[in-house]
Amino acid sequence: MSHEKDNTGELSNDMKQYREGLVETQRKLNESYDKLIITLSAGALALSITFLKDVIGSSEINSPWVLLTAWGFFVLSITSILCEILFGIKAHKKAIKQIDNRTINKEKVGGIASFFSTVTHLVASISLILGLLFISIFVYINIEENHGSRETTAETTTETTTETTTQ
């Protein structure tokens, strides 16, 4: 690509089009990513509530703090994405003003809002992963405990039935 810039230092038309395509792809990827994080976090939250109601039911809940921690991470993930979108809007407005004021090359593009948008984006991802980890631990603890107690109940029932039959 020896024709990246012309004699005036401007990008060639091919490079401008390529750059525009990259910017559009990045926008679409960010949009998809945000939707995916919200969908996964909200879905995991709803699924864990259903698990609690339908699978555990009236059984004793083991390590409820693990479940509450998972829920906290899912809520943090959803909240972080919402904040990331708000900071992204503010950053874009700031960047437009910077272009209009011809200060875009002298200041951080998007200002501090751009930084907070990046941070909340990262927090959302990490929170989702931690939420999934904690919900997996909770399910394991409670399935294992309930499965073990069901086996004990089945053995006790079998022993009682055997004793009654032999008497």
Protein backbone atom coordinates (compact mmCIF):
# COMPACT_ATOMS: atom_id res chain seq x y z
CA MET A 1 0.00 0.00 0.00
CA SER A 2 2.45 2.61 -1.17
CA HIS A 3 -0.39 4.96 -2.06
CA GLU A 4 -1.58 5.47 1.51
CA LYS A 5 -1.03 9.25 1.42
CA ASP A 6 -0.74 11.67 -1.42
CA ASN A 7 1.82 14.48 -1.67
CA THR A 8 -0.20 16.72 0.71
CA GLY A 9 -0.24 14.13 3.48
CA GLU A 10 -3.94 13.33 2.99
CA LEU A 11 -5.17 9.74 2.93
CA SER A 12 -5.96 8.31 -0.47
CA ASN A 13 -9.59 7.65 -1.34
CA ASP A 14 -9.01 3.90 -1.00
CA MET A 15 -7.56 4.35 2.48
CA LYS A 16 -10.41 6.69 3.48
CA GLN A 17 -12.97 4.11 2.38
CA TYR A 18 -11.07 1.33 4.15
CA ARG A 19 -10.91 3.43 7.34
CA GLU A 20 -14.65 4.18 7.14
CA GLY A 21 -15.31 0.46 6.81
CA LEU A 22 -13.18 -0.25 9.89
CA VAL A 23 -15.00 2.43 11.91
CA GLU A 24 -18.39 1.01 10.88
CA THR A 25 -17.32 -2.54 11.76
CA GLN A 26 -16.09 -1.36 15.16
CA ARG A 27 -19.41 0.39 15.80
CA LYS A 28 -21.37 -2.74 14.93
CA LEU A 29 -19.11 -4.95 17.08
CA ASN A 30 -19.47 -2.62 20.08
CA GLU A 31 -23.23 -2.54 19.66
CA SER A 32 -23.44 -6.33 19.41
CA TYR A 33 -21.13 -6.75 22.39
CA ASP A 34 -23.24 -4.47 24.59
CA LYS A 35 -26.43 -6.29 23.62
CA LEU A 36 -24.80 -9.66 24.28
CA ILE A 37 -23.57 -8.65 27.75
CA ILE A 38 -27.02 -7.34 28.74
CA THR A 39 -28.75 -10.42 27.33
CA LEU A 40 -26.41 -12.87 29.06
CA SER A 41 -26.50 -11.03 32.39
CA ALA A 42 -30.28 -10.64 32.43
CA GLY A 43 -30.77 -14.21 31.21
CA ALA A 44 -28.47 -15.65 33.84
CA LEU A 45 -30.23 -13.62 36.52
CA ALA A 46 -33.66 -14.89 35.38
CA LEU A 47 -32.42 -18.46 34.99
CA SER A 48 -30.93 -18.47 38.49
CA ILE A 49 -34.22 -17.27 39.96
CA THR A 50 -36.05 -20.04 38.09
CA PHE A 51 -33.47 -22.57 39.32
CA LEU A 52 -34.00 -21.38 42.86
CA LYS A 53 -37.77 -21.69 42.60
CA ASP A 54 -38.13 -24.88 40.54
CA VAL A 55 -35.08 -27.00 41.41
CA ILE A 56 -34.33 -26.07 44.98
CA GLY A 57 -37.94 -25.26 45.84
CA SER A 58 -38.60 -25.65 49.56
CA SER A 59 -35.26 -27.39 50.20
CA GLU A 60 -32.72 -25.62 52.30
CA ILE A 61 -30.49 -23.27 50.31
CA ASN A 62 -26.81 -23.97 50.84
CA SER A 63 -24.42 -21.01 50.72
CA PRO A 64 -26.99 -18.33 49.83
CA TRP A 65 -24.20 -15.73 49.90
CA VAL A 66 -22.80 -17.31 46.72
CA LEU A 67 -26.14 -16.77 44.96
CA LEU A 68 -26.42 -13.20 46.23
CA THR A 69 -22.88 -12.50 45.06
CA ALA A 70 -23.71 -13.85 41.59
CA TRP A 71 -26.84 -11.69 41.43
CA GLY A 72 -24.79 -8.67 42.49
CA PHE A 73 -22.32 -9.27 39.67
CA PHE A 74 -25.12 -9.68 37.11
CA VAL A 75 -26.75 -6.42 38.24
CA LEU A 76 -23.33 -4.70 38.17
CA SER A 77 -22.78 -5.98 34.64
CA ILE A 78 -26.13 -4.65 33.40
CA THR A 79 -25.62 -1.32 35.19
CA SER A 80 -22.09 -1.01 33.77
CA ILE A 81 -23.31 -1.46 30.21
CA LEU A 82 -25.96 1.20 30.73
CA CYS A 83 -23.31 3.56 32.14
CA GLU A 84 -20.96 2.70 29.29
CA ILE A 85 -23.62 3.72 26.78
CA LEU A 86 -24.30 7.00 28.62
CA PHE A 87 -20.57 7.81 28.85
CA GLY A 88 -20.20 6.88 25.17
CA ILE A 89 -22.92 9.36 24.23
CA LYS A 90 -21.20 12.09 26.28
CA ALA A 91 -17.82 11.23 24.74
CA HIS A 92 -19.22 11.50 21.22
CA LYS A 93 -20.86 14.86 21.99
CA LYS A 94 -17.54 16.09 23.39
CA ALA A 95 -15.65 14.85 20.32
CA ILE A 96 -18.07 16.69 18.04
CA LYS A 97 -17.51 19.90 20.03
CA GLN A 98 -13.75 19.31 19.86
CA ILE A 99 -13.97 19.05 16.07
CA ASP A 100 -16.15 22.17 15.87
CA ASN A 101 -13.75 24.09 18.14
CA ARG A 102 -10.71 22.68 16.32
CA THR A 103 -9.29 21.30 19.60
CA ILE A 104 -9.55 17.62 18.71
CA ASN A 105 -5.75 17.31 18.25
CA LYS A 106 -4.97 19.20 21.45
CA GLU A 107 -7.22 17.32 23.92
CA LYS A 108 -8.10 13.71 24.69
CA VAL A 109 -10.78 12.79 22.17
CA GLY A 110 -14.12 12.58 23.98
CA GLY A 111 -12.63 13.88 27.20
CA ILE A 112 -12.97 12.07 30.52
CA ALA A 113 -16.26 10.48 29.39
CA SER A 114 -14.28 8.39 26.89
CA PHE A 115 -12.15 7.01 29.73
CA PHE A 116 -15.22 6.16 31.85
CA SER A 117 -16.89 4.52 28.86
CA THR A 118 -13.88 2.24 28.43
CA VAL A 119 -13.70 1.40 32.15
CA THR A 120 -17.42 0.58 32.48
CA HIS A 121 -17.19 -1.55 29.33
CA LEU A 122 -14.46 -3.60 30.99
CA VAL A 123 -16.31 -3.77 34.33
CA ALA A 124 -19.39 -5.15 32.55
CA SER A 125 -17.38 -8.00 31.02
CA ILE A 126 -15.57 -8.91 34.20
CA SER A 127 -18.80 -8.74 36.23
CA LEU A 128 -20.57 -11.09 33.82
CA ILE A 129 -17.73 -13.61 34.01
CA LEU A 130 -17.65 -13.45 37.82
CA GLY A 131 -21.44 -13.73 37.99
CA LEU A 132 -21.35 -16.86 35.83
CA LEU A 133 -18.58 -18.30 37.98
CA PHE A 134 -20.49 -17.69 41.23
CA ILE A 135 -23.79 -19.00 39.84
CA SER A 136 -22.00 -22.15 38.66
CA ILE A 137 -20.55 -22.65 42.12
CA PHE A 138 -23.98 -22.10 43.67
CA VAL A 139 -25.64 -24.61 41.35
CA TYR A 140 -22.91 -27.16 41.99
CA ILE A 141 -23.17 -26.78 45.77
CA ASN A 142 -26.94 -27.04 45.79
CA ILE A 143 -27.33 -29.78 43.17
CA GLU A 144 -24.65 -31.87 44.89
CA GLU A 145 -26.27 -31.33 48.31
CA ASN A 146 -29.81 -32.00 47.05
CA HIS A 147 -28.69 -35.02 45.02
CA GLY A 148 -26.91 -36.46 48.05
CA SER A 149 -29.93 -35.88 50.29
CA ARG A 150 -32.22 -37.53 47.73
CA GLU A 151 -30.00 -40.63 47.68
CA THR A 152 -30.07 -40.75 51.48
CA THR A 153 -33.86 -40.40 51.45
CA ALA A 154 -34.17 -43.16 48.85
CA GLU A 155 -31.94 -45.48 50.89
CA THR A 156 -33.93 -44.77 54.06
CA THR A 157 -37.20 -45.41 52.24
CA THR A 158 -35.85 -48.70 50.83
CA GLU A 159 -34.64 -49.82 54.27
CA THR A 160 -37.99 -48.93 55.87
CA THR A 161 -39.89 -50.80 53.18
CA THR A 162 -37.64 -53.86 53.54
CA GLU A 163 -38.05 -53.89 57.34
CA THR A 164 -41.84 -53.57 57.07
CA THR A 165 -42.02 -56.42 54.52
CA THR A 166 -39.92 -58.82 56.61
CA GLN A 167 -41.94 -58.20 59.78
